[in-house]
Amino acid sequence: MATATRSFGVVVPDVANPVYATLLKAIHSQAWHGRHRTVLFDTDEDRWREREQIEQARKLDGMLLCSPRLPDDEVLTLAGDTPFVIVNRLIEGAPCVLMDMENGPQQAVEHLAALGHTHIAYAAGPTGSWADGQRAATITKACERFGIRLTHLSHQAASIEGGRAAAAPVIASGATAVIAYNDLVALGLEAGMSDMGKSCPADISIIGIDDIDMASAVKPGLSTVKMPIERCGALAVELLLQVLAGATHAEATTLGSQLIVRGTTAGPSR
């Protein structure tokens, strides 16, 4: 018996971010196998817009809510009775597909510790990002374990410009290495510090998170934590179709992460 064709909304914080572009492509590709229709909703990192977009998306057969920024209870209230899956965020009692926030970031700290760094900074992402909170917590615990001093920088946009804005605070902190919220922030950090006469990795080592295509194309290549973005998108579609078919999923599915070492990390300058 053929599966009924479905229409579902995909709500993302920023369609211009390469992570969500990759996620959307994977979602669309997986949906195409069943000739299901996807409708894009871009919140532009705006909570008011996110509320309106979810209200619009719930008129469809189902929803994929990717990295929602609203509080848990509000997300659940807005979703109502419409079948949905949360992508890249944990909300208790809701079906979720997560990208690991522990193994890869822990490896990043371990790598920097092995190189001899004793003071690192964490360049935070957008306010309200669940992933940012999880990454910061993991990095904090790992630094405590290795006896590394950690400086938390203020929240910035998840973009190259956000990274540029964080460059001066990184330098002022005195840290010899920085882990960024994502690869775009990491690339912005490198550009901003270069403008201020600092080179990477000679003066400051940088590690990003995500492993977008640009990470391996720049020189030096960006050391980063590879996230399973494509698999996350495909699995989210599979899970949503199961929910639409009446299955109950209350537990989260977590996909692994892995540190990729390239050219932006080295021992601290003496």
C-alpha atoms as a PDB file:
ATOM      1  CA  MET A   1       0.000   0.000   0.000  1.00  0.00           C
ATOM      2  CA  ALA A   2       1.442   3.396  -1.022  1.00  0.00           C
ATOM      3  CA  THR A   3       2.192   5.940   1.676  1.00  0.00           C
ATOM      4  CA  ALA A   4       0.025   9.067   1.478  1.00  0.00           C
ATOM      5  CA  THR A   5       1.805  12.180   0.296  1.00  0.00           C
ATOM      6  CA  ARG A   6       2.237  14.652   3.130  1.00  0.00           C
ATOM      7  CA  SER A   7       2.958  18.366   3.405  1.00  0.00           C
ATOM      8  CA  PHE A   8       5.018  19.546   6.339  1.00  0.00           C
ATOM      9  CA  GLY A   9       6.638  22.763   7.455  1.00  0.00           C
ATOM     10  CA  VAL A  10      10.333  23.130   8.205  1.00  0.00           C
ATOM     11  CA  VAL A  11      11.035  25.997  10.619  1.00  0.00           C
ATOM     12  CA  VAL A  12      14.676  27.154  10.816  1.00  0.00           C
ATOM     13  CA  PRO A  13      16.373  30.098  12.602  1.00  0.00           C
ATOM     14  CA  ASP A  14      18.424  31.315   9.619  1.00  0.00           C
ATOM     15  CA  VAL A  15      18.218  29.888   6.105  1.00  0.00           C
ATOM     16  CA  ALA A  16      21.451  31.717   5.151  1.00  0.00           C
ATOM     17  CA  ASN A  17      23.465  29.711   7.708  1.00  0.00           C
ATOM     18  CA  PRO A  18      25.254  26.853   5.853  1.00  0.00           C
ATOM     19  CA  VAL A  19      24.275  24.412   8.606  1.00  0.00           C
ATOM     20  CA  TYR A  20      20.572  24.977   8.005  1.00  0.00           C
ATOM     21  CA  ALA A  21      21.069  25.048   4.241  1.00  0.00           C
ATOM     22  CA  THR A  22      22.690  21.594   4.488  1.00  0.00           C
ATOM     23  CA  LEU A  23      19.976  20.416   6.868  1.00  0.00           C
ATOM     24  CA  LEU A  24      17.236  21.667   4.539  1.00  0.00           C
ATOM     25  CA  LYS A  25      18.780  19.929   1.539  1.00  0.00           C
ATOM     26  CA  ALA A  26      18.897  16.639   3.457  1.00  0.00           C
ATOM     27  CA  ILE A  27      15.296  17.083   4.618  1.00  0.00           C
ATOM     28  CA  HIS A  28      14.070  17.870   1.120  1.00  0.00           C
ATOM     29  CA  SER A  29      16.003  14.952  -0.375  1.00  0.00           C
ATOM     30  CA  GLN A  30      14.587  12.476   2.139  1.00  0.00           C
ATOM     31  CA  ALA A  31      11.064  13.843   1.732  1.00  0.00           C
ATOM     32  CA  TRP A  32      11.343  13.576  -2.056  1.00  0.00           C
ATOM     33  CA  HIS A  33      11.649   9.785  -1.847  1.00  0.00           C
ATOM     34  CA  GLY A  34       8.013   9.666  -0.751  1.00  0.00           C
ATOM     35  CA  ARG A  35       7.075  12.677  -2.886  1.00  0.00           C
ATOM     36  CA  HIS A  36       6.258  14.610   0.255  1.00  0.00           C
ATOM     37  CA  ARG A  37       6.142  18.405   0.089  1.00  0.00           C
ATOM     38  CA  THR A  38       8.199  20.641   2.359  1.00  0.00           C
ATOM     39  CA  VAL A  39       7.382  24.283   3.104  1.00  0.00           C
ATOM     40  CA  LEU A  40      10.178  26.496   4.449  1.00  0.00           C
ATOM     41  CA  PHE A  41       9.699  28.955   7.314  1.00  0.00           C
ATOM     42  CA  ASP A  42      12.682  31.186   8.207  1.00  0.00           C
ATOM     43  CA  THR A  43      12.476  32.914  11.600  1.00  0.00           C
ATOM     44  CA  ASP A  44      15.589  35.061  11.070  1.00  0.00           C
ATOM     45  CA  GLU A  45      16.594  34.449  14.724  1.00  0.00           C
ATOM     46  CA  ASP A  46      13.527  36.432  15.827  1.00  0.00           C
ATOM     47  CA  ARG A  47      11.312  34.953  18.545  1.00  0.00           C
ATOM     48  CA  TRP A  48       8.230  36.917  17.514  1.00  0.00           C
ATOM     49  CA  ARG A  49       8.617  35.683  13.969  1.00  0.00           C
ATOM     50  CA  GLU A  50       9.222  32.151  15.231  1.00  0.00           C
ATOM     51  CA  ARG A  51       5.847  32.213  16.997  1.00  0.00           C
ATOM     52  CA  GLU A  52       4.080  33.337  13.820  1.00  0.00           C
ATOM     53  CA  GLN A  53       5.943  30.835  11.656  1.00  0.00           C
ATOM     54  CA  ILE A  54       5.053  27.895  13.901  1.00  0.00           C
ATOM     55  CA  GLU A  55       1.416  29.035  13.889  1.00  0.00           C
ATOM     56  CA  GLN A  56       1.501  29.011  10.082  1.00  0.00           C
ATOM     57  CA  ALA A  57       3.383  25.718   9.833  1.00  0.00           C
ATOM     58  CA  ARG A  58       0.954  23.851  12.104  1.00  0.00           C
ATOM     59  CA  LYS A  59      -1.752  24.250   9.436  1.00  0.00           C
ATOM     60  CA  LEU A  60       0.123  21.603   7.436  1.00  0.00           C
ATOM     61  CA  ASP A  61       0.198  17.855   8.084  1.00  0.00           C
ATOM     62  CA  GLY A  62       3.287  18.057  10.284  1.00  0.00           C
ATOM     63  CA  MET A  63       6.315  20.143  11.301  1.00  0.00           C
ATOM     64  CA  LEU A  64      10.054  19.881  11.716  1.00  0.00           C
ATOM     65  CA  LEU A  65      11.129  22.525  14.237  1.00  0.00           C
ATOM     66  CA  CYS A  66      14.866  23.048  13.800  1.00  0.00           C
ATOM     67  CA  SER A  67      16.724  24.596  16.757  1.00  0.00           C
ATOM     68  CA  PRO A  68      13.721  26.571  18.069  1.00  0.00           C
ATOM     69  CA  ARG A  69      14.680  29.515  20.291  1.00  0.00           C
ATOM     70  CA  LEU A  70      11.431  29.801  22.279  1.00  0.00           C
ATOM     71  CA  PRO A  71      11.062  28.253  25.768  1.00  0.00           C
ATOM     72  CA  ASP A  72      10.098  24.559  25.893  1.00  0.00           C
ATOM     73  CA  ASP A  73       6.552  25.079  27.148  1.00  0.00           C
ATOM     74  CA  GLU A  74       5.835  27.725  24.529  1.00  0.00           C
ATOM     75  CA  VAL A  75       7.084  25.491  21.706  1.00  0.00           C
ATOM     76  CA  LEU A  76       4.806  22.678  22.886  1.00  0.00           C
ATOM     77  CA  THR A  77       1.823  25.025  23.258  1.00  0.00           C
ATOM     78  CA  LEU A  78       2.337  26.524  19.798  1.00  0.00           C
ATOM     79  CA  ALA A  79       2.691  23.088  18.191  1.00  0.00           C
ATOM     80  CA  GLY A  80      -0.659  22.025  19.625  1.00  0.00           C
ATOM     81  CA  ASP A  81      -2.041  18.818  18.131  1.00  0.00           C
ATOM     82  CA  THR A  82       0.010  19.026  14.930  1.00  0.00           C
ATOM     83  CA  PRO A  83       2.500  16.136  14.640  1.00  0.00           C
ATOM     84  CA  PHE A  84       6.044  17.470  14.940  1.00  0.00           C
ATOM     85  CA  VAL A  85       9.688  16.559  15.511  1.00  0.00           C
ATOM     86  CA  ILE A  86      12.273  18.770  17.200  1.00  0.00           C
ATOM     87  CA  VAL A  87      15.634  18.899  15.436  1.00  0.00           C
ATOM     88  CA  ASN A  88      18.862  19.810  17.271  1.00  0.00           C
ATOM     89  CA  ARG A  89      17.233  20.574  20.598  1.00  0.00           C
ATOM     90  CA  LEU A  90      15.975  18.478  23.494  1.00  0.00           C
ATOM     91  CA  ILE A  91      12.454  19.080  24.768  1.00  0.00           C
ATOM     92  CA  GLU A  92      11.300  16.496  27.289  1.00  0.00           C
ATOM     93  CA  GLY A  93       8.367  14.399  26.110  1.00  0.00           C
ATOM     94  CA  ALA A  94       8.713  15.452  22.466  1.00  0.00           C
ATOM     95  CA  PRO A  95      10.228  13.420  19.610  1.00  0.00           C
ATOM     96  CA  CYS A  96      13.738  14.844  19.059  1.00  0.00           C
ATOM     97  CA  VAL A  97      16.722  14.220  16.799  1.00  0.00           C
ATOM     98  CA  LEU A  98      19.924  15.590  18.321  1.00  0.00           C
ATOM     99  CA  MET A  99      23.512  16.100  17.238  1.00  0.00           C
ATOM    100  CA  ASP A 100      25.910  15.100  20.028  1.00  0.00           C
ATOM    101  CA  MET A 101      27.029  18.026  22.206  1.00  0.00           C
ATOM    102  CA  GLU A 102      29.494  16.101  24.373  1.00  0.00           C
ATOM    103  CA  ASN A 103      31.992  13.845  22.611  1.00  0.00           C
ATOM    104  CA  GLY A 104      33.249  16.252  19.936  1.00  0.00           C
ATOM    105  CA  PRO A 105      33.551  19.350  22.186  1.00  0.00           C
ATOM    106  CA  GLN A 106      35.283  17.224  24.845  1.00  0.00           C
ATOM    107  CA  GLN A 107      37.757  16.079  22.204  1.00  0.00           C
ATOM    108  CA  ALA A 108      38.360  19.723  21.267  1.00  0.00           C
ATOM    109  CA  VAL A 109      39.340  20.603  24.844  1.00  0.00           C
ATOM    110  CA  GLU A 110      41.453  17.457  25.170  1.00  0.00           C
ATOM    111  CA  HIS A 111      43.254  18.357  21.929  1.00  0.00           C
ATOM    112  CA  LEU A 112      44.048  21.868  23.157  1.00  0.00           C
ATOM    113  CA  ALA A 113      45.202  20.522  26.523  1.00  0.00           C
ATOM    114  CA  ALA A 114      47.540  18.073  24.783  1.00  0.00           C
ATOM    115  CA  LEU A 115      49.031  20.973  22.809  1.00  0.00           C
ATOM    116  CA  GLY A 116      49.814  22.757  26.084  1.00  0.00           C
ATOM    117  CA  HIS A 117      47.068  25.382  26.299  1.00  0.00           C
ATOM    118  CA  THR A 118      46.135  26.370  29.843  1.00  0.00           C
ATOM    119  CA  HIS A 119      43.710  29.233  29.098  1.00  0.00           C
ATOM    120  CA  ILE A 120      41.024  29.012  26.419  1.00  0.00           C
ATOM    121  CA  ALA A 121      37.948  31.070  25.588  1.00  0.00           C
ATOM    122  CA  TYR A 122      34.501  30.025  24.433  1.00  0.00           C
ATOM    123  CA  ALA A 123      32.897  32.356  21.869  1.00  0.00           C
ATOM    124  CA  ALA A 124      29.175  31.919  22.536  1.00  0.00           C
ATOM    125  CA  GLY A 125      26.410  31.878  19.933  1.00  0.00           C
ATOM    126  CA  PRO A 126      22.897  33.364  19.909  1.00  0.00           C
ATOM    127  CA  THR A 127      20.951  33.923  23.110  1.00  0.00           C
ATOM    128  CA  GLY A 128      18.307  31.218  23.459  1.00  0.00           C
ATOM    129  CA  SER A 129      20.244  28.602  21.510  1.00  0.00           C
ATOM    130  CA  TRP A 130      19.934  25.231  23.242  1.00  0.00           C
ATOM    131  CA  ALA A 131      23.018  23.968  21.406  1.00  0.00           C
ATOM    132  CA  ASP A 132      25.049  26.925  22.681  1.00  0.00           C
ATOM    133  CA  GLY A 133      24.140  26.134  26.276  1.00  0.00           C
ATOM    134  CA  GLN A 134      24.985  22.461  25.844  1.00  0.00           C
ATOM    135  CA  ARG A 135      28.325  23.188  24.178  1.00  0.00           C
ATOM    136  CA  ALA A 136      29.272  25.719  26.835  1.00  0.00           C
ATOM    137  CA  ALA A 137      28.422  23.257  29.621  1.00  0.00           C
ATOM    138  CA  THR A 138      30.440  20.448  28.021  1.00  0.00           C
ATOM    139  CA  ILE A 139      33.452  22.693  27.440  1.00  0.00           C
ATOM    140  CA  THR A 140      33.259  23.999  31.018  1.00  0.00           C
ATOM    141  CA  LYS A 141      33.297  20.475  32.481  1.00  0.00           C
ATOM    142  CA  ALA A 142      36.147  19.385  30.219  1.00  0.00           C
ATOM    143  CA  CYS A 143      38.236  22.428  31.150  1.00  0.00           C
ATOM    144  CA  GLU A 144      37.689  21.697  34.836  1.00  0.00           C
ATOM    145  CA  ARG A 145      38.863  18.129  34.293  1.00  0.00           C
ATOM    146  CA  PHE A 146      42.066  19.233  32.551  1.00  0.00           C
ATOM    147  CA  GLY A 147      42.726  22.180  34.868  1.00  0.00           C
ATOM    148  CA  ILE A 148      42.309  24.718  32.077  1.00  0.00           C
ATOM    149  CA  ARG A 149      41.167  28.268  32.749  1.00  0.00           C
ATOM    150  CA  LEU A 150      38.071  29.069  30.684  1.00  0.00           C
ATOM    151  CA  THR A 151      36.797  32.520  29.706  1.00  0.00           C
ATOM    152  CA  HIS A 152      33.168  32.710  28.556  1.00  0.00           C
ATOM    153  CA  LEU A 153      32.610  35.485  26.039  1.00  0.00           C
ATOM    154  CA  SER A 154      29.284  37.249  25.490  1.00  0.00           C
ATOM    155  CA  HIS A 155      26.652  35.953  23.067  1.00  0.00           C
ATOM    156  CA  GLN A 156      27.052  36.873  19.401  1.00  0.00           C
ATOM    157  CA  ALA A 157      25.215  36.187  16.166  1.00  0.00           C
ATOM    158  CA  ALA A 158      25.990  32.786  14.647  1.00  0.00           C
ATOM    159  CA  SER A 159      27.738  34.430  11.709  1.00  0.00           C
ATOM    160  CA  ILE A 160      31.100  35.638  10.436  1.00  0.00           C
ATOM    161  CA  GLU A 161      30.233  39.125  11.659  1.00  0.00           C
ATOM    162  CA  GLY A 162      29.435  37.688  15.075  1.00  0.00           C
ATOM    163  CA  GLY A 163      32.900  36.165  15.097  1.00  0.00           C
ATOM    164  CA  ARG A 164      34.501  39.447  14.096  1.00  0.00           C
ATOM    165  CA  ALA A 165      32.720  41.127  17.008  1.00  0.00           C
ATOM    166  CA  ALA A 166      34.195  38.538  19.381  1.00  0.00           C
ATOM    167  CA  ALA A 167      37.780  38.924  18.111  1.00  0.00           C
ATOM    168  CA  ALA A 168      38.779  41.856  20.350  1.00  0.00           C
ATOM    169  CA  PRO A 169      37.367  40.246  23.534  1.00  0.00           C
ATOM    170  CA  VAL A 170      39.259  37.030  22.735  1.00  0.00           C
ATOM    171  CA  ILE A 171      42.520  38.924  22.420  1.00  0.00           C
ATOM    172  CA  ALA A 172      41.798  40.977  25.539  1.00  0.00           C
ATOM    173  CA  SER A 173      41.085  37.821  27.553  1.00  0.00           C
ATOM    174  CA  GLY A 174      44.651  36.603  27.159  1.00  0.00           C
ATOM    175  CA  ALA A 175      43.489  33.141  26.085  1.00  0.00           C
ATOM    176  CA  THR A 176      45.835  31.250  23.767  1.00  0.00           C
ATOM    177  CA  ALA A 177      43.015  29.260  22.133  1.00  0.00           C
ATOM    178  CA  VAL A 178      39.316  29.722  21.454  1.00  0.00           C
ATOM    179  CA  ILE A 179      36.475  27.318  20.742  1.00  0.00           C
ATOM    180  CA  ALA A 180      33.710  28.984  18.738  1.00  0.00           C
ATOM    181  CA  TYR A 181      29.981  28.290  18.785  1.00  0.00           C
ATOM    182  CA  ASN A 182      30.144  27.316  15.117  1.00  0.00           C
ATOM    183  CA  ASP A 183      32.412  27.457  12.079  1.00  0.00           C
ATOM    184  CA  LEU A 184      31.087  30.827  10.876  1.00  0.00           C
ATOM    185  CA  VAL A 185      31.959  32.420  14.225  1.00  0.00           C
ATOM    186  CA  ALA A 186      35.374  30.711  14.090  1.00  0.00           C
ATOM    187  CA  LEU A 187      36.079  32.060  10.605  1.00  0.00           C
ATOM    188  CA  GLY A 188      34.973  35.534  11.689  1.00  0.00           C
ATOM    189  CA  LEU A 189      37.256  35.312  14.700  1.00  0.00           C
ATOM    190  CA  GLU A 190      40.227  34.468  12.512  1.00  0.00           C
ATOM    191  CA  ALA A 191      39.476  37.369  10.147  1.00  0.00           C
ATOM    192  CA  GLY A 192      38.928  39.832  12.997  1.00  0.00           C
ATOM    193  CA  MET A 193      42.089  38.842  14.839  1.00  0.00           C
ATOM    194  CA  SER A 194      44.072  39.045  11.607  1.00  0.00           C
ATOM    195  CA  ASP A 195      42.860  42.640  11.196  1.00  0.00           C
ATOM    196  CA  MET A 196      44.331  43.330  14.646  1.00  0.00           C
ATOM    197  CA  GLY A 197      47.701  41.855  13.786  1.00  0.00           C
ATOM    198  CA  LYS A 198      47.205  38.403  15.308  1.00  0.00           C
ATOM    199  CA  SER A 199      47.773  35.221  13.316  1.00  0.00           C
ATOM    200  CA  CYS A 200      46.252  31.771  13.677  1.00  0.00           C
ATOM    201  CA  PRO A 201      47.544  29.432  14.982  1.00  0.00           C
ATOM    202  CA  ALA A 202      50.844  31.192  15.816  1.00  0.00           C
ATOM    203  CA  ASP A 203      49.207  33.602  18.282  1.00  0.00           C
ATOM    204  CA  ILE A 204      45.820  32.011  18.964  1.00  0.00           C
ATOM    205  CA  SER A 205      44.463  28.576  18.072  1.00  0.00           C
ATOM    206  CA  ILE A 206      40.856  28.336  16.858  1.00  0.00           C
ATOM    207  CA  ILE A 207      38.386  25.439  16.792  1.00  0.00           C
ATOM    208  CA  GLY A 208      34.937  25.683  15.225  1.00  0.00           C
ATOM    209  CA  ILE A 209      31.901  23.405  15.374  1.00  0.00           C
ATOM    210  CA  ASP A 210      29.890  21.875  12.477  1.00  0.00           C
ATOM    211  CA  ASP A 211      32.486  21.200   9.720  1.00  0.00           C
ATOM    212  CA  ILE A 212      30.753  23.156   6.961  1.00  0.00           C
ATOM    213  CA  ASP A 213      32.291  22.894   3.473  1.00  0.00           C
ATOM    214  CA  MET A 214      34.172  26.171   3.924  1.00  0.00           C
ATOM    215  CA  ALA A 215      36.064  24.767   6.922  1.00  0.00           C
ATOM    216  CA  SER A 216      38.257  22.535   4.763  1.00  0.00           C
ATOM    217  CA  ALA A 217      38.601  25.063   1.915  1.00  0.00           C
ATOM    218  CA  VAL A 218      40.149  27.982   3.832  1.00  0.00           C
ATOM    219  CA  LYS A 219      43.895  28.233   4.481  1.00  0.00           C
ATOM    220  CA  PRO A 220      44.838  27.134   7.047  1.00  0.00           C
ATOM    221  CA  GLY A 221      42.060  24.565   7.215  1.00  0.00           C
ATOM    222  CA  LEU A 222      39.788  25.071  10.204  1.00  0.00           C
ATOM    223  CA  SER A 223      39.998  22.555  13.029  1.00  0.00           C
ATOM    224  CA  THR A 224      36.391  21.800  13.922  1.00  0.00           C
ATOM    225  CA  VAL A 225      33.926  19.382  15.468  1.00  0.00           C
ATOM    226  CA  LYS A 226      32.121  17.540  12.690  1.00  0.00           C
ATOM    227  CA  MET A 227      28.376  17.313  13.228  1.00  0.00           C
ATOM    228  CA  PRO A 228      26.171  14.763  11.367  1.00  0.00           C
ATOM    229  CA  ILE A 229      23.999  17.415   9.729  1.00  0.00           C
ATOM    230  CA  GLU A 230      22.839  15.454   6.677  1.00  0.00           C
ATOM    231  CA  ARG A 231      21.970  12.335   8.664  1.00  0.00           C
ATOM    232  CA  CYS A 232      20.148  14.472  11.225  1.00  0.00           C
ATOM    233  CA  GLY A 233      17.898  15.944   8.510  1.00  0.00           C
ATOM    234  CA  ALA A 234      17.140  12.588   6.901  1.00  0.00           C
ATOM    235  CA  LEU A 235      16.401  10.914  10.230  1.00  0.00           C
ATOM    236  CA  ALA A 236      14.113  13.780  11.261  1.00  0.00           C
ATOM    237  CA  VAL A 237      11.959  13.187   8.169  1.00  0.00           C
ATOM    238  CA  GLU A 238      11.821   9.441   8.858  1.00  0.00           C
ATOM    239  CA  LEU A 239      10.776  10.102  12.448  1.00  0.00           C
ATOM    240  CA  LEU A 240       8.115  12.651  11.456  1.00  0.00           C
ATOM    241  CA  LEU A 241       6.572  10.202   8.998  1.00  0.00           C
ATOM    242  CA  GLN A 242       6.396   7.632  11.787  1.00  0.00           C
ATOM    243  CA  VAL A 243       4.694  10.181  14.057  1.00  0.00           C
ATOM    244  CA  LEU A 244       2.269  11.044  11.255  1.00  0.00           C
ATOM    245  CA  ALA A 245       1.491   7.334  10.960  1.00  0.00           C
ATOM    246  CA  GLY A 246       0.522   7.232  14.632  1.00  0.00           C
ATOM    247  CA  ALA A 247       3.733   6.038  16.274  1.00  0.00           C
ATOM    248  CA  THR A 248       4.684   7.417  19.693  1.00  0.00           C
ATOM    249  CA  HIS A 249       8.244   8.661  20.206  1.00  0.00           C
ATOM    250  CA  ALA A 250       9.068  10.253  23.547  1.00  0.00           C
ATOM    251  CA  GLU A 251      12.801   9.551  23.586  1.00  0.00           C
ATOM    252  CA  ALA A 252      15.516  11.551  21.831  1.00  0.00           C
ATOM    253  CA  THR A 253      17.775  10.072  19.167  1.00  0.00           C
ATOM    254  CA  THR A 254      21.354  11.379  19.359  1.00  0.00           C
ATOM    255  CA  LEU A 255      23.877  11.233  16.496  1.00  0.00           C
ATOM    256  CA  GLY A 256      27.612  11.366  17.234  1.00  0.00           C
ATOM    257  CA  SER A 257      30.183  14.136  16.722  1.00  0.00           C
ATOM    258  CA  GLN A 258      33.932  13.990  16.050  1.00  0.00           C
ATOM    259  CA  LEU A 259      36.869  16.420  16.222  1.00  0.00           C
ATOM    260  CA  ILE A 260      38.578  17.083  12.882  1.00  0.00           C
ATOM    261  CA  VAL A 261      42.107  18.499  13.329  1.00  0.00           C
ATOM    262  CA  ARG A 262      43.358  20.827  10.592  1.00  0.00           C
ATOM    263  CA  GLY A 263      45.659  23.812  10.541  1.00  0.00           C
ATOM    264  CA  THR A 264      44.197  26.330  13.002  1.00  0.00           C
ATOM    265  CA  THR A 265      45.460  24.622  16.149  1.00  0.00           C
ATOM    266  CA  ALA A 266      49.017  24.473  17.462  1.00  0.00           C
ATOM    267  CA  GLY A 267      50.859  24.792  20.754  1.00  0.00           C
ATOM    268  CA  PRO A 268      50.714  28.193  22.493  1.00  0.00           C
ATOM    269  CA  SER A 269      53.410  30.696  21.604  1.00  0.00           C
ATOM    270  CA  ARG A 270      56.106  31.080  24.225  1.00  0.00           C
END
